[in-house]
C-alpha atoms as a PDB file:
ATOM      1  CA  MET A   1      -8.256  17.539 -15.183  1.00  0.00           C
ATOM      2  CA  THR A   2      -9.463  14.307 -14.375  1.00  0.00           C
ATOM      3  CA  SER A   3      -8.218  12.651 -17.549  1.00  0.00           C
ATOM      4  CA  ASP A   4      -4.608  13.858 -16.723  1.00  0.00           C
ATOM      5  CA  ASN A   5      -4.795  12.419 -13.216  1.00  0.00           C
ATOM      6  CA  THR A   6      -6.000   9.057 -14.456  1.00  0.00           C
ATOM      7  CA  ILE A   7      -2.963   8.822 -16.914  1.00  0.00           C
ATOM      8  CA  TRP A   8      -0.606   9.529 -14.145  1.00  0.00           C
ATOM      9  CA  TYR A   9      -2.253   6.950 -11.780  1.00  0.00           C
ATOM     10  CA  VAL A  10      -1.891   4.325 -14.766  1.00  0.00           C
ATOM     11  CA  LEU A  11       1.730   5.205 -15.322  1.00  0.00           C
ATOM     12  CA  ALA A  12       2.329   4.831 -11.618  1.00  0.00           C
ATOM     13  CA  VAL A  13       0.684   1.395 -11.356  1.00  0.00           C
ATOM     14  CA  LEU A  14       2.567   0.076 -14.303  1.00  0.00           C
ATOM     15  CA  GLY A  15       5.854   1.412 -12.897  1.00  0.00           C
ATOM     16  CA  LEU A  16       5.126  -0.324  -9.729  1.00  0.00           C
ATOM     17  CA  ILE A  17       4.379  -3.569 -11.339  1.00  0.00           C
ATOM     18  CA  TYR A  18       7.541  -3.398 -13.449  1.00  0.00           C
ATOM     19  CA  LEU A  19       9.640  -2.965 -10.412  1.00  0.00           C
ATOM     20  CA  ILE A  20       8.031  -5.730  -8.544  1.00  0.00           C
ATOM     21  CA  ILE A  21       8.664  -8.092 -11.477  1.00  0.00           C
ATOM     22  CA  LEU A  22      12.274  -7.031 -11.678  1.00  0.00           C
ATOM     23  CA  PHE A  23      12.774  -7.397  -7.984  1.00  0.00           C
ATOM     24  CA  ARG A  24      11.374 -11.026  -8.201  1.00  0.00           C
ATOM     25  CA  ASN A  25      13.576 -11.821 -11.166  1.00  0.00           C
ATOM     26  CA  ARG A  26      16.653 -10.780  -9.487  1.00  0.00           C
ATOM     27  CA  LYS A  27      15.785 -13.024  -6.395  1.00  0.00           C
ATOM     28  CA  ALA A  28      15.302 -15.963  -8.559  1.00  0.00           C
ATOM     29  CA  THR A  29      18.558 -15.394 -10.348  1.00  0.00           C
ATOM     30  CA  LYS A  30      20.481 -15.093  -7.119  1.00  0.00           C
ATOM     31  CA  ARG A  31      18.927 -18.414  -5.813  1.00  0.00           C
ATOM     32  CA  ARG A  32      19.767 -20.201  -8.879  1.00  0.00           C
ATOM     33  CA  LYS A  33      23.340 -19.118  -8.815  1.00  0.00           C
ATOM     34  CA  SER A  34      23.922 -19.550  -5.213  1.00  0.00           C
ATOM     35  CA  ARG A  35      22.684 -23.096  -5.174  1.00  0.00           C
ATOM     36  CA  LYS A  36      24.484 -25.920  -6.912  1.00  0.00           C
ATOM     37  CA  PHE A  37      22.499 -27.799  -9.573  1.00  0.00           C
ATOM     38  CA  MET A  38      23.131 -31.169  -7.857  1.00  0.00           C
ATOM     39  CA  GLU A  39      22.072 -29.836  -4.571  1.00  0.00           C
ATOM     40  CA  GLY A  40      18.682 -28.810  -6.016  1.00  0.00           C
ATOM     41  CA  LYS A  41      18.208 -32.217  -7.366  1.00  0.00           C
ATOM     42  CA  ARG A  42      18.887 -34.043  -4.264  1.00  0.00           C
ATOM     43  CA  GLN A  43      16.377 -31.889  -2.310  1.00  0.00           C
ATOM     44  CA  ARG A  44      13.715 -32.507  -5.083  1.00  0.00           C
ATOM     45  CA  ASP A  45      14.475 -36.367  -4.576  1.00  0.00           C
ATOM     46  CA  LYS A  46      14.106 -36.103  -0.775  1.00  0.00           C
ATOM     47  CA  ASN A  47      10.867 -34.304  -1.177  1.00  0.00           C
ATOM     48  CA  ASN A  48       9.342 -36.871  -3.750  1.00  0.00           C
ATOM     49  CA  GLU A  49      10.354 -39.694  -1.096  1.00  0.00           C
ATOM     50  CA  HIS A  50       8.096 -38.310   1.541  1.00  0.00           C
END
């Protein structure tokens, strides 16, 4: 009984981690697409000056 439960718990945790990684990757790609490349470069240059 306990071994069956532990397998389900492990699968649930792995599923949650997989969903979190997918969600973060989607956010990152949206940021990259929405921003223009030159704008990102200018922001980095301003940050370096300070």
